[in-house]
C-alpha atoms as a PDB file:
ATOM      1  CA  MET A   1      -0.010  -0.005  -0.017  1.00  0.00           C
ATOM      2  CA  THR A   2       1.395   3.419  -0.954  1.00  0.00           C
ATOM      3  CA  GLY A   3       1.877   6.328   1.384  1.00  0.00           C
ATOM      4  CA  ALA A   4      -0.900   8.280  -0.353  1.00  0.00           C
ATOM      5  CA  GLU A   5      -3.343   5.402   0.120  1.00  0.00           C
ATOM      6  CA  ARG A   6      -2.541   5.343   3.869  1.00  0.00           C
ATOM      7  CA  ARG A   7      -2.848   9.043   4.380  1.00  0.00           C
ATOM      8  CA  PRO A   8      -5.566   9.287   7.142  1.00  0.00           C
ATOM      9  CA  VAL A   9      -8.890  10.926   6.549  1.00  0.00           C
ATOM     10  CA  LEU A  10      -8.392  12.759   9.775  1.00  0.00           C
ATOM     11  CA  ASP A  11      -4.936  13.519  11.230  1.00  0.00           C
ATOM     12  CA  VAL A  12      -4.833  15.287  14.569  1.00  0.00           C
ATOM     13  CA  ARG A  13      -1.458  16.407  15.808  1.00  0.00           C
ATOM     14  CA  GLY A  14      -0.485  18.181  19.016  1.00  0.00           C
ATOM     15  CA  PHE A  15      -3.990  19.551  19.732  1.00  0.00           C
ATOM     16  CA  SER A  16      -4.326  21.439  22.937  1.00  0.00           C
ATOM     17  CA  LEU A  17      -7.396  23.263  24.195  1.00  0.00           C
ATOM     18  CA  LYS A  18      -8.331  25.321  27.246  1.00  0.00           C
ATOM     19  CA  PHE A  19     -11.378  27.225  28.549  1.00  0.00           C
ATOM     20  CA  SER A  20      -9.438  30.127  29.998  1.00  0.00           C
ATOM     21  CA  ASN A  21      -7.168  32.919  28.836  1.00  0.00           C
ATOM     22  CA  ALA A  22      -5.003  32.613  31.943  1.00  0.00           C
ATOM     23  CA  ALA A  23      -1.556  31.152  31.203  1.00  0.00           C
ATOM     24  CA  ASP A  24      -1.434  29.242  34.495  1.00  0.00           C
ATOM     25  CA  VAL A  25      -4.693  27.333  33.899  1.00  0.00           C
ATOM     26  CA  PRO A  26      -3.829  23.794  32.568  1.00  0.00           C
ATOM     27  CA  ASN A  27      -5.129  22.682  29.100  1.00  0.00           C
ATOM     28  CA  VAL A  28      -8.362  20.735  29.229  1.00  0.00           C
ATOM     29  CA  VAL A  29      -7.082  18.755  26.140  1.00  0.00           C
ATOM     30  CA  ASP A  30      -3.315  18.567  26.033  1.00  0.00           C
ATOM     31  CA  ASN A  31      -1.029  17.626  23.126  1.00  0.00           C
ATOM     32  CA  VAL A  32      -3.454  15.054  21.635  1.00  0.00           C
ATOM     33  CA  SER A  33      -2.399  13.271  18.429  1.00  0.00           C
ATOM     34  CA  PHE A  34      -4.112  10.512  16.457  1.00  0.00           C
ATOM     35  CA  PRO A  35      -5.007   9.427  12.868  1.00  0.00           C
ATOM     36  CA  VAL A  36      -8.285   7.925  11.571  1.00  0.00           C
ATOM     37  CA  HIS A  37      -8.070   6.014   8.264  1.00  0.00           C
ATOM     38  CA  ALA A  38     -10.713   5.297   5.622  1.00  0.00           C
ATOM     39  CA  GLY A  39     -12.831   2.207   6.462  1.00  0.00           C
ATOM     40  CA  GLU A  40     -11.334   1.924   9.998  1.00  0.00           C
ATOM     41  CA  THR A  41     -12.563   2.705  13.439  1.00  0.00           C
ATOM     42  CA  LEU A  42     -10.598   4.454  16.145  1.00  0.00           C
ATOM     43  CA  CYS A  43     -12.124   4.087  19.559  1.00  0.00           C
ATOM     44  CA  MET A  44     -11.386   6.802  22.079  1.00  0.00           C
ATOM     45  CA  VAL A  45     -11.895   5.345  25.573  1.00  0.00           C
ATOM     46  CA  GLY A  46     -11.707   6.669  29.050  1.00  0.00           C
ATOM     47  CA  GLU A  47     -13.787   7.701  32.100  1.00  0.00           C
ATOM     48  CA  SER A  48     -16.287  10.527  32.048  1.00  0.00           C
ATOM     49  CA  GLY A  49     -14.497  13.863  32.238  1.00  0.00           C
ATOM     50  CA  CYS A  50     -11.324  12.749  30.381  1.00  0.00           C
ATOM     51  CA  GLY A  51     -11.919  15.122  27.410  1.00  0.00           C
ATOM     52  CA  LYS A  52     -13.240  12.711  24.800  1.00  0.00           C
ATOM     53  CA  SER A  53     -16.438  14.586  23.960  1.00  0.00           C
ATOM     54  CA  VAL A  54     -14.716  17.934  24.131  1.00  0.00           C
ATOM     55  CA  THR A  55     -12.185  16.792  21.540  1.00  0.00           C
ATOM     56  CA  SER A  56     -14.928  15.650  19.196  1.00  0.00           C
ATOM     57  CA  LEU A  57     -16.939  18.837  19.594  1.00  0.00           C
ATOM     58  CA  ALA A  58     -13.812  20.861  18.865  1.00  0.00           C
ATOM     59  CA  LEU A  59     -13.104  18.895  15.726  1.00  0.00           C
ATOM     60  CA  MET A  60     -16.675  19.627  14.567  1.00  0.00           C
ATOM     61  CA  GLY A  61     -16.357  23.247  15.322  1.00  0.00           C
ATOM     62  CA  LEU A  62     -19.210  23.094  17.919  1.00  0.00           C
ATOM     63  CA  LEU A  63     -17.539  24.657  20.958  1.00  0.00           C
ATOM     64  CA  ALA A  64     -18.291  28.301  21.614  1.00  0.00           C
ATOM     65  CA  SER A  65     -15.143  30.536  21.449  1.00  0.00           C
ATOM     66  CA  PRO A  66     -14.855  32.078  23.911  1.00  0.00           C
ATOM     67  CA  PRO A  67     -14.593  30.364  26.344  1.00  0.00           C
ATOM     68  CA  ALA A  68     -12.977  27.509  24.336  1.00  0.00           C
ATOM     69  CA  ARG A  69      -9.573  28.399  22.910  1.00  0.00           C
ATOM     70  CA  ARG A  70      -7.210  26.247  20.842  1.00  0.00           C
ATOM     71  CA  VAL A  71      -3.711  26.567  22.253  1.00  0.00           C
ATOM     72  CA  ALA A  72      -1.791  24.533  19.731  1.00  0.00           C
ATOM     73  CA  GLY A  73      -2.022  21.852  17.203  1.00  0.00           C
ATOM     74  CA  THR A  74      -3.689  20.956  13.821  1.00  0.00           C
ATOM     75  CA  ALA A  75      -6.506  18.671  12.685  1.00  0.00           C
ATOM     76  CA  HIS A  76      -6.237  17.889   8.902  1.00  0.00           C
ATOM     77  CA  PHE A  77      -9.362  16.440   7.348  1.00  0.00           C
ATOM     78  CA  GLU A  78      -8.720  15.315   3.808  1.00  0.00           C
ATOM     79  CA  GLY A  79      -5.817  17.757   3.653  1.00  0.00           C
ATOM     80  CA  ALA A  80      -7.597  20.801   5.049  1.00  0.00           C
ATOM     81  CA  ASP A  81      -6.854  22.049   8.608  1.00  0.00           C
ATOM     82  CA  LEU A  82     -10.258  22.184  10.365  1.00  0.00           C
ATOM     83  CA  PHE A  83      -8.968  24.808  12.744  1.00  0.00           C
ATOM     84  CA  ALA A  84      -7.967  27.113   9.981  1.00  0.00           C
ATOM     85  CA  LEU A  85     -11.357  27.107   8.131  1.00  0.00           C
ATOM     86  CA  THR A  86     -13.823  29.859   8.253  1.00  0.00           C
ATOM     87  CA  GLU A  87     -17.184  29.185   9.895  1.00  0.00           C
ATOM     88  CA  ARG A  88     -18.867  28.979   6.393  1.00  0.00           C
ATOM     89  CA  GLU A  89     -16.264  26.635   5.135  1.00  0.00           C
ATOM     90  CA  LEU A  90     -16.705  24.375   8.255  1.00  0.00           C
ATOM     91  CA  ALA A  91     -20.541  24.525   7.843  1.00  0.00           C
ATOM     92  CA  ASP A  92     -20.196  23.221   4.314  1.00  0.00           C
ATOM     93  CA  ILE A  93     -18.192  20.187   5.522  1.00  0.00           C
ATOM     94  CA  ARG A  94     -20.185  19.515   8.731  1.00  0.00           C
ATOM     95  CA  GLY A  95     -23.083  17.175   8.165  1.00  0.00           C
ATOM     96  CA  ASN A  96     -21.780  16.518   4.642  1.00  0.00           C
ATOM     97  CA  ARG A  97     -18.259  15.058   4.379  1.00  0.00           C
ATOM     98  CA  MET A  98     -17.928  14.982   8.149  1.00  0.00           C
ATOM     99  CA  SER A  99     -20.904  13.964  10.407  1.00  0.00           C
ATOM    100  CA  MET A 100     -21.587  13.255  14.043  1.00  0.00           C
ATOM    101  CA  ILE A 101     -23.934  10.957  15.977  1.00  0.00           C
ATOM    102  CA  PHE A 102     -24.543  12.718  19.272  1.00  0.00           C
ATOM    103  CA  GLN A 103     -24.780  10.986  22.604  1.00  0.00           C
ATOM    104  CA  GLU A 104     -28.457  11.696  23.413  1.00  0.00           C
ATOM    105  CA  PRO A 105     -30.762  11.447  20.442  1.00  0.00           C
ATOM    106  CA  MET A 106     -33.808  12.904  22.255  1.00  0.00           C
ATOM    107  CA  THR A 107     -32.093  16.220  22.920  1.00  0.00           C
ATOM    108  CA  SER A 108     -30.245  16.200  19.522  1.00  0.00           C
ATOM    109  CA  LEU A 109     -33.394  15.819  17.394  1.00  0.00           C
ATOM    110  CA  ASN A 110     -35.662  18.877  17.058  1.00  0.00           C
ATOM    111  CA  PRO A 111     -39.006  18.022  18.693  1.00  0.00           C
ATOM    112  CA  ALA A 112     -40.876  20.543  16.470  1.00  0.00           C
ATOM    113  CA  TYR A 113     -40.088  18.839  13.136  1.00  0.00           C
ATOM    114  CA  THR A 114     -40.769  15.439  11.741  1.00  0.00           C
ATOM    115  CA  ILE A 115     -38.080  12.826  11.187  1.00  0.00           C
ATOM    116  CA  GLY A 116     -38.393  13.203   7.393  1.00  0.00           C
ATOM    117  CA  GLU A 117     -37.971  17.009   7.633  1.00  0.00           C
ATOM    118  CA  GLN A 118     -34.858  16.701   9.759  1.00  0.00           C
ATOM    119  CA  ILE A 119     -33.075  14.090   7.537  1.00  0.00           C
ATOM    120  CA  GLY A 120     -34.228  15.956   4.389  1.00  0.00           C
ATOM    121  CA  GLU A 121     -32.923  19.230   5.662  1.00  0.00           C
ATOM    122  CA  SER A 122     -29.277  17.948   5.664  1.00  0.00           C
ATOM    123  CA  ILE A 123     -29.725  16.546   2.179  1.00  0.00           C
ATOM    124  CA  ARG A 124     -31.160  19.712   0.768  1.00  0.00           C
ATOM    125  CA  ARG A 125     -28.608  21.878   2.521  1.00  0.00           C
ATOM    126  CA  HIS A 126     -25.482  20.053   1.156  1.00  0.00           C
ATOM    127  CA  ARG A 127     -26.782  18.732  -2.181  1.00  0.00           C
ATOM    128  CA  GLY A 128     -29.231  21.318  -3.324  1.00  0.00           C
ATOM    129  CA  VAL A 129     -31.968  18.852  -4.346  1.00  0.00           C
ATOM    130  CA  LYS A 130     -35.674  19.607  -4.373  1.00  0.00           C
ATOM    131  CA  ARG A 131     -37.860  18.840  -1.388  1.00  0.00           C
ATOM    132  CA  ALA A 132     -39.537  15.830  -2.956  1.00  0.00           C
ATOM    133  CA  GLN A 133     -36.237  14.216  -3.844  1.00  0.00           C
ATOM    134  CA  ALA A 134     -34.901  14.918  -0.321  1.00  0.00           C
ATOM    135  CA  ARG A 135     -37.981  13.230   1.175  1.00  0.00           C
ATOM    136  CA  GLU A 136     -37.400  10.161  -1.033  1.00  0.00           C
ATOM    137  CA  GLU A 137     -33.738   9.943   0.000  1.00  0.00           C
ATOM    138  CA  ALA A 138     -34.776  10.322   3.643  1.00  0.00           C
ATOM    139  CA  LEU A 139     -37.220   7.420   3.329  1.00  0.00           C
ATOM    140  CA  GLU A 140     -34.343   5.346   1.738  1.00  0.00           C
ATOM    141  CA  MET A 141     -32.110   6.154   4.669  1.00  0.00           C
ATOM    142  CA  LEU A 142     -34.800   4.986   7.099  1.00  0.00           C
ATOM    143  CA  ARG A 143     -35.031   1.698   5.180  1.00  0.00           C
ATOM    144  CA  LEU A 144     -31.189   1.420   5.223  1.00  0.00           C
ATOM    145  CA  VAL A 145     -31.099   1.696   9.030  1.00  0.00           C
ATOM    146  CA  HIS A 146     -33.943  -0.851   9.342  1.00  0.00           C
ATOM    147  CA  ILE A 147     -36.605   1.444  10.886  1.00  0.00           C
ATOM    148  CA  PRO A 148     -39.880  -0.543  10.835  1.00  0.00           C
ATOM    149  CA  ALA A 149     -42.700   1.001   8.738  1.00  0.00           C
ATOM    150  CA  PRO A 150     -40.427   3.736   7.384  1.00  0.00           C
ATOM    151  CA  GLU A 151     -43.150   5.408   5.371  1.00  0.00           C
ATOM    152  CA  ALA A 152     -45.122   6.126   8.588  1.00  0.00           C
ATOM    153  CA  ARG A 153     -42.031   7.058  10.604  1.00  0.00           C
ATOM    154  CA  LEU A 154     -41.093   9.658   8.044  1.00  0.00           C
ATOM    155  CA  ASP A 155     -43.867  11.843   9.264  1.00  0.00           C
ATOM    156  CA  ALA A 156     -43.510  11.040  12.935  1.00  0.00           C
ATOM    157  CA  PHE A 157     -42.037  13.409  15.529  1.00  0.00           C
ATOM    158  CA  PRO A 158     -39.133  12.342  17.748  1.00  0.00           C
ATOM    159  CA  HIS A 159     -41.240  11.862  20.871  1.00  0.00           C
ATOM    160  CA  GLN A 160     -43.301   9.189  18.953  1.00  0.00           C
ATOM    161  CA  LEU A 161     -40.296   6.874  18.512  1.00  0.00           C
ATOM    162  CA  SER A 162     -38.426   4.608  21.023  1.00  0.00           C
ATOM    163  CA  GLY A 163     -34.909   5.393  22.087  1.00  0.00           C
ATOM    164  CA  GLY A 164     -33.534   2.707  19.785  1.00  0.00           C
ATOM    165  CA  MET A 165     -35.393   4.121  16.777  1.00  0.00           C
ATOM    166  CA  ARG A 166     -34.317   7.667  17.573  1.00  0.00           C
ATOM    167  CA  GLN A 167     -30.784   6.479  17.573  1.00  0.00           C
ATOM    168  CA  ARG A 168     -31.244   4.858  14.225  1.00  0.00           C
ATOM    169  CA  VAL A 169     -32.683   8.156  12.943  1.00  0.00           C
ATOM    170  CA  MET A 170     -29.513   9.918  14.197  1.00  0.00           C
ATOM    171  CA  ILE A 171     -27.408   7.356  12.286  1.00  0.00           C
ATOM    172  CA  ALA A 172     -29.537   7.847   9.172  1.00  0.00           C
ATOM    173  CA  MET A 173     -29.128  11.633   9.462  1.00  0.00           C
ATOM    174  CA  ALA A 174     -25.372  11.360   9.960  1.00  0.00           C
ATOM    175  CA  LEU A 175     -24.942   9.003   6.966  1.00  0.00           C
ATOM    176  CA  ALA A 176     -27.428  10.702   4.618  1.00  0.00           C
ATOM    177  CA  ASN A 177     -24.665  12.497   2.601  1.00  0.00           C
ATOM    178  CA  ARG A 178     -22.207   9.562   2.725  1.00  0.00           C
ATOM    179  CA  PRO A 179     -19.684  11.262   4.893  1.00  0.00           C
ATOM    180  CA  ARG A 180     -15.909  10.490   4.763  1.00  0.00           C
ATOM    181  CA  LEU A 181     -15.660  10.762   8.459  1.00  0.00           C
ATOM    182  CA  LEU A 182     -18.246   9.745  11.080  1.00  0.00           C
ATOM    183  CA  ILE A 183     -17.788  10.834  14.833  1.00  0.00           C
ATOM    184  CA  ALA A 184     -19.961   8.850  17.134  1.00  0.00           C
ATOM    185  CA  ASP A 185     -20.150  10.112  20.708  1.00  0.00           C
ATOM    186  CA  GLU A 186     -21.350   7.258  23.031  1.00  0.00           C
ATOM    187  CA  PRO A 187     -23.942   6.164  20.376  1.00  0.00           C
ATOM    188  CA  THR A 188     -25.272   3.212  22.450  1.00  0.00           C
ATOM    189  CA  THR A 189     -25.231   4.654  26.017  1.00  0.00           C
ATOM    190  CA  ALA A 190     -29.002   4.876  26.525  1.00  0.00           C
ATOM    191  CA  LEU A 191     -29.829   1.633  24.787  1.00  0.00           C
ATOM    192  CA  ASP A 192     -30.466  -1.838  26.193  1.00  0.00           C
ATOM    193  CA  VAL A 193     -27.955  -4.580  25.285  1.00  0.00           C
ATOM    194  CA  THR A 194     -30.027  -6.032  22.432  1.00  0.00           C
ATOM    195  CA  ILE A 195     -30.607  -2.674  20.692  1.00  0.00           C
ATOM    196  CA  GLN A 196     -26.994  -1.756  21.344  1.00  0.00           C
ATOM    197  CA  ALA A 197     -25.762  -4.879  19.469  1.00  0.00           C
ATOM    198  CA  GLN A 198     -28.104  -4.074  16.593  1.00  0.00           C
ATOM    199  CA  VAL A 199     -26.990  -0.474  16.342  1.00  0.00           C
ATOM    200  CA  LEU A 200     -23.247  -1.449  16.425  1.00  0.00           C
ATOM    201  CA  SER A 201     -23.861  -4.128  13.783  1.00  0.00           C
ATOM    202  CA  LEU A 202     -25.676  -1.555  11.628  1.00  0.00           C
ATOM    203  CA  VAL A 203     -22.894   0.999  11.900  1.00  0.00           C
ATOM    204  CA  ARG A 204     -20.249  -1.618  11.029  1.00  0.00           C
ATOM    205  CA  ASN A 205     -22.089  -2.773   7.981  1.00  0.00           C
ATOM    206  CA  LEU A 206     -22.788   0.697   6.707  1.00  0.00           C
ATOM    207  CA  GLN A 207     -19.147   1.688   7.335  1.00  0.00           C
ATOM    208  CA  ALA A 208     -17.962  -1.485   5.357  1.00  0.00           C
ATOM    209  CA  GLU A 209     -20.270  -0.427   2.444  1.00  0.00           C
ATOM    210  CA  THR A 210     -19.274   3.216   2.304  1.00  0.00           C
ATOM    211  CA  GLY A 211     -15.572   3.121   3.498  1.00  0.00           C
ATOM    212  CA  THR A 212     -16.348   5.755   6.071  1.00  0.00           C
ATOM    213  CA  ALA A 213     -13.666   6.499   8.686  1.00  0.00           C
ATOM    214  CA  MET A 214     -15.106   6.448  12.237  1.00  0.00           C
ATOM    215  CA  LEU A 215     -14.053   8.036  15.462  1.00  0.00           C
ATOM    216  CA  LEU A 216     -16.086   6.281  18.122  1.00  0.00           C
ATOM    217  CA  ILE A 217     -16.031   7.738  21.605  1.00  0.00           C
ATOM    218  CA  THR A 218     -16.988   5.382  24.464  1.00  0.00           C
ATOM    219  CA  HIS A 219     -16.222   4.260  28.046  1.00  0.00           C
ATOM    220  CA  ASP A 220     -17.354   0.632  27.223  1.00  0.00           C
ATOM    221  CA  LEU A 221     -14.403  -1.632  26.583  1.00  0.00           C
ATOM    222  CA  GLY A 222     -16.884  -4.380  25.353  1.00  0.00           C
ATOM    223  CA  VAL A 223     -17.880  -2.027  22.478  1.00  0.00           C
ATOM    224  CA  VAL A 224     -14.117  -1.297  21.894  1.00  0.00           C
ATOM    225  CA  ALA A 225     -13.313  -5.059  21.562  1.00  0.00           C
ATOM    226  CA  GLU A 226     -16.274  -5.349  19.139  1.00  0.00           C
ATOM    227  CA  VAL A 227     -15.647  -2.575  16.610  1.00  0.00           C
ATOM    228  CA  ALA A 228     -12.187  -0.989  17.093  1.00  0.00           C
ATOM    229  CA  ASP A 229      -9.288  -1.185  14.659  1.00  0.00           C
ATOM    230  CA  HIS A 230      -7.224   1.208  16.803  1.00  0.00           C
ATOM    231  CA  VAL A 231      -7.664   2.481  20.393  1.00  0.00           C
ATOM    232  CA  ALA A 232      -6.672   5.801  22.020  1.00  0.00           C
ATOM    233  CA  VAL A 233      -6.958   5.683  25.818  1.00  0.00           C
ATOM    234  CA  MET A 234      -7.555   9.164  27.117  1.00  0.00           C
ATOM    235  CA  TYR A 235      -7.031  10.371  30.704  1.00  0.00           C
ATOM    236  CA  ALA A 236      -7.492  13.929  32.010  1.00  0.00           C
ATOM    237  CA  GLY A 237      -7.147  15.368  28.547  1.00  0.00           C
ATOM    238  CA  ARG A 238      -4.100  13.388  27.408  1.00  0.00           C
ATOM    239  CA  ILE A 239      -3.794  10.219  25.325  1.00  0.00           C
ATOM    240  CA  VAL A 240      -1.872   7.979  27.646  1.00  0.00           C
ATOM    241  CA  GLU A 241      -1.788   4.884  25.315  1.00  0.00           C
ATOM    242  CA  TYR A 242      -2.478   4.247  21.659  1.00  0.00           C
ATOM    243  CA  GLY A 243      -2.225   1.208  19.445  1.00  0.00           C
ATOM    244  CA  THR A 244      -4.184  -1.481  17.619  1.00  0.00           C
ATOM    245  CA  VAL A 245      -7.009  -3.166  19.451  1.00  0.00           C
ATOM    246  CA  ALA A 246      -4.709  -6.248  19.809  1.00  0.00           C
ATOM    247  CA  ASP A 247      -2.007  -4.103  21.286  1.00  0.00           C
ATOM    248  CA  LEU A 248      -4.277  -2.658  24.005  1.00  0.00           C
ATOM    249  CA  PHE A 249      -6.010  -5.873  24.901  1.00  0.00           C
ATOM    250  CA  ASP A 250      -3.133  -8.238  24.656  1.00  0.00           C
ATOM    251  CA  ASP A 251      -0.425  -5.985  26.099  1.00  0.00           C
ATOM    252  CA  PRO A 252      -1.711  -2.937  27.958  1.00  0.00           C
ATOM    253  CA  GLN A 253       1.203  -0.860  29.127  1.00  0.00           C
ATOM    254  CA  HIS A 254      -0.169   2.181  30.949  1.00  0.00           C
ATOM    255  CA  PRO A 255      -1.298   1.695  34.560  1.00  0.00           C
ATOM    256  CA  TYR A 256      -4.605   3.448  33.715  1.00  0.00           C
ATOM    257  CA  THR A 257      -5.221   1.117  30.790  1.00  0.00           C
ATOM    258  CA  ILE A 258      -4.389  -1.843  32.998  1.00  0.00           C
ATOM    259  CA  GLY A 259      -6.887  -0.616  35.569  1.00  0.00           C
ATOM    260  CA  LEU A 260      -9.580  -0.258  32.951  1.00  0.00           C
ATOM    261  CA  MET A 261      -8.942  -3.726  31.589  1.00  0.00           C
ATOM    262  CA  GLY A 262      -9.070  -5.175  35.139  1.00  0.00           C
ATOM    263  CA  ALA A 263     -12.514  -3.594  35.758  1.00  0.00           C
ATOM    264  CA  ILE A 264     -14.207  -5.393  32.856  1.00  0.00           C
ATOM    265  CA  PRO A 265     -16.909  -7.861  34.126  1.00  0.00           C
ATOM    266  CA  SER A 266     -16.502 -11.355  32.723  1.00  0.00           C
ATOM    267  CA  VAL A 267     -19.239 -13.805  31.891  1.00  0.00           C
ATOM    268  CA  GLY A 268     -17.521 -16.973  33.323  1.00  0.00           C
ATOM    269  CA  LYS A 269     -16.253 -17.638  36.798  1.00  0.00           C
ATOM    270  CA  ARG A 270     -13.957 -14.966  38.107  1.00  0.00           C
ATOM    271  CA  ALA A 271     -11.299 -15.438  40.800  1.00  0.00           C
ATOM    272  CA  GLY A 272     -11.463 -12.457  43.225  1.00  0.00           C
ATOM    273  CA  SER A 273     -13.108  -9.088  42.837  1.00  0.00           C
ATOM    274  CA  LEU A 274     -13.022  -6.627  39.933  1.00  0.00           C
ATOM    275  CA  ALA A 275     -10.064  -4.208  39.933  1.00  0.00           C
ATOM    276  CA  THR A 276     -10.663  -0.651  41.077  1.00  0.00           C
ATOM    277  CA  ILE A 277      -8.835   2.530  40.397  1.00  0.00           C
ATOM    278  CA  ARG A 278      -8.713   4.732  43.505  1.00  0.00           C
ATOM    279  CA  GLY A 279      -9.719   8.425  43.300  1.00  0.00           C
ATOM    280  CA  SER A 280     -11.328  10.169  40.364  1.00  0.00           C
ATOM    281  CA  VAL A 281     -10.413  12.236  37.311  1.00  0.00           C
ATOM    282  CA  PRO A 282      -9.143  15.663  38.351  1.00  0.00           C
ATOM    283  CA  SER A 283     -10.972  18.875  37.437  1.00  0.00           C
ATOM    284  CA  PRO A 284      -9.318  21.213  34.964  1.00  0.00           C
ATOM    285  CA  GLU A 285      -8.329  23.540  37.832  1.00  0.00           C
ATOM    286  CA  GLN A 286      -6.612  20.714  39.766  1.00  0.00           C
ATOM    287  CA  MET A 287      -4.472  19.021  37.002  1.00  0.00           C
ATOM    288  CA  PRO A 288      -1.204  17.549  38.445  1.00  0.00           C
ATOM    289  CA  ARG A 289       1.949  19.098  37.249  1.00  0.00           C
ATOM    290  CA  GLY A 290       3.527  15.926  35.940  1.00  0.00           C
ATOM    291  CA  CYS A 291       1.725  12.730  34.867  1.00  0.00           C
ATOM    292  CA  ARG A 292      -1.925  13.456  35.300  1.00  0.00           C
ATOM    293  CA  PHE A 293      -2.537   9.959  36.451  1.00  0.00           C
ATOM    294  CA  ALA A 294       0.216   9.969  39.080  1.00  0.00           C
ATOM    295  CA  PRO A 295      -2.072  10.696  42.083  1.00  0.00           C
ATOM    296  CA  ARG A 296      -4.060   7.526  41.271  1.00  0.00           C
ATOM    297  CA  CYS A 297      -1.227   5.332  40.111  1.00  0.00           C
ATOM    298  CA  PRO A 298       0.104   2.596  42.458  1.00  0.00           C
ATOM    299  CA  PHE A 299       3.532   2.682  40.774  1.00  0.00           C
ATOM    300  CA  ALA A 300       4.083   6.490  40.745  1.00  0.00           C
ATOM    301  CA  GLU A 301       7.628   7.763  41.455  1.00  0.00           C
ATOM    302  CA  GLN A 302       8.938  11.239  42.071  1.00  0.00           C
ATOM    303  CA  ARG A 303       9.698  11.764  38.422  1.00  0.00           C
ATOM    304  CA  CYS A 304       6.108  11.022  37.639  1.00  0.00           C
ATOM    305  CA  ILE A 305       4.999  13.801  39.941  1.00  0.00           C
ATOM    306  CA  ASP A 306       7.605  16.273  38.667  1.00  0.00           C
ATOM    307  CA  ALA A 307       7.263  15.995  34.900  1.00  0.00           C
ATOM    308  CA  ALA A 308       4.876  14.821  32.227  1.00  0.00           C
ATOM    309  CA  PRO A 309       6.147  11.608  30.509  1.00  0.00           C
ATOM    310  CA  PRO A 310       6.913  11.762  26.800  1.00  0.00           C
ATOM    311  CA  ASP A 311       5.268   9.423  24.235  1.00  0.00           C
ATOM    312  CA  ARG A 312       7.366   6.311  23.796  1.00  0.00           C
ATOM    313  CA  THR A 313       6.851   3.874  20.933  1.00  0.00           C
ATOM    314  CA  LEU A 314       7.016   0.307  22.142  1.00  0.00           C
ATOM    315  CA  SER A 315       6.453  -1.508  18.823  1.00  0.00           C
ATOM    316  CA  GLY A 316       4.757  -0.762  15.582  1.00  0.00           C
ATOM    317  CA  GLU A 317       1.950   1.565  16.238  1.00  0.00           C
ATOM    318  CA  HIS A 318       1.852   0.888  20.010  1.00  0.00           C
ATOM    319  CA  ARG A 319       2.877   3.963  22.058  1.00  0.00           C
ATOM    320  CA  VAL A 320       2.501   4.886  25.718  1.00  0.00           C
ATOM    321  CA  ALA A 321       3.092   8.033  27.774  1.00  0.00           C
ATOM    322  CA  CYS A 322       4.532   6.461  30.949  1.00  0.00           C
ATOM    323  CA  TRP A 323       7.942   6.876  32.549  1.00  0.00           C
ATOM    324  CA  LEU A 324       7.811   3.260  33.716  1.00  0.00           C
ATOM    325  CA  ALA A 325       6.881   1.404  30.535  1.00  0.00           C
ATOM    326  CA  PRO A 326       7.192  -1.423  29.837  1.00  0.00           C
ATOM    327  CA  VAL A 327       5.447  -2.161  33.139  1.00  0.00           C
ATOM    328  CA  GLU A 328       5.555  -5.999  33.299  1.00  0.00           C
ATOM    329  CA  GLN A 329       8.268  -6.003  35.815  1.00  0.00           C
ATOM    330  CA  LEU A 330       6.274  -3.609  38.071  1.00  0.00           C
ATOM    331  CA  VAL A 331       3.020  -5.384  38.184  1.00  0.00           C
ATOM    332  CA  LYS A 332       2.836  -7.922  40.923  1.00  0.00           C
ATOM    333  CA  PRO A 333      -0.045 -10.504  41.010  1.00  0.00           C
ATOM    334  CA  ALA A 334      -1.748  -8.618  43.958  1.00  0.00           C
ATOM    335  CA  GLN A 335      -1.538  -5.314  42.127  1.00  0.00           C
ATOM    336  CA  GLN A 336      -2.933  -6.732  38.931  1.00  0.00           C
ATOM    337  CA  LYS A 337      -6.020  -7.728  40.949  1.00  0.00           C
ATOM    338  CA  GLU A 338      -6.459  -4.351  42.569  1.00  0.00           C
ATOM    339  CA  LEU A 339      -5.040  -1.063  41.368  1.00  0.00           C
ATOM    340  CA  THR A 340      -5.534   0.943  44.594  1.00  0.00           C
END
């Protein structure tokens, strides 16, 4: 495969963001870099408050500025830097070549308009087709996402649909213009397990058909194992570990990643209790000076407290931001069970 073919659809490098003009206030998102390639899924995983959704909203140009302020970095989408585009140029891309499935479909859909009107609006805005044609294409999208009785649902309002169907509508709307990049922010959080599996299967199938690149934001490692090609583990605004899904599940190297893996419930018999990670994600005003995970890390040394660790490439695409990596020699059996 040539270098041109492997050029990512989205390439984020050194992105930093803060919500303050004060120089001494830490960045909410700090020096974040990752690529997303055509036909592949990058899962961004971490606890609530780690900066995943803020990153996605910044990429879509949906953060109010002020207070949001980009401090550094670039985000090239098909060669164009998203952060250098005018609002009009970004509006032409958003919902067209780059789309987003938001976390809560009930608050993301407009209750005053029918499903057909909302899907059709995006089609008309970006492709300039007539209302009748937009309606036909909206109907086809509802069929594509397996909405039952799509002709009737086309004229339904959001409150008349179940949570699972509203989420399918959001997927139909996001894919209506065949985007090159799809950002999905916790797309299955409010769904029961059966509907969640159906939605994930639907997204994977549509992605395979269209070659769409996907950035999937989640805290569910089960979802990651199911759909990811690559994984970026985010903690307190920084990517602490990045690699293929096999890298992360077979050989996690950051203590935070190890803690997340240890907290996954298993179906079979389990020896001992689930792992826990003491403490909580720090607020933006209380970010530690060095490694942001140091106050919660069972292996932290003085250098972890004093300075932020650099990214280290372990093998291939696998990289980690930890002074102590590789960590195999540090993790004792008892500590593997309980990261406290």
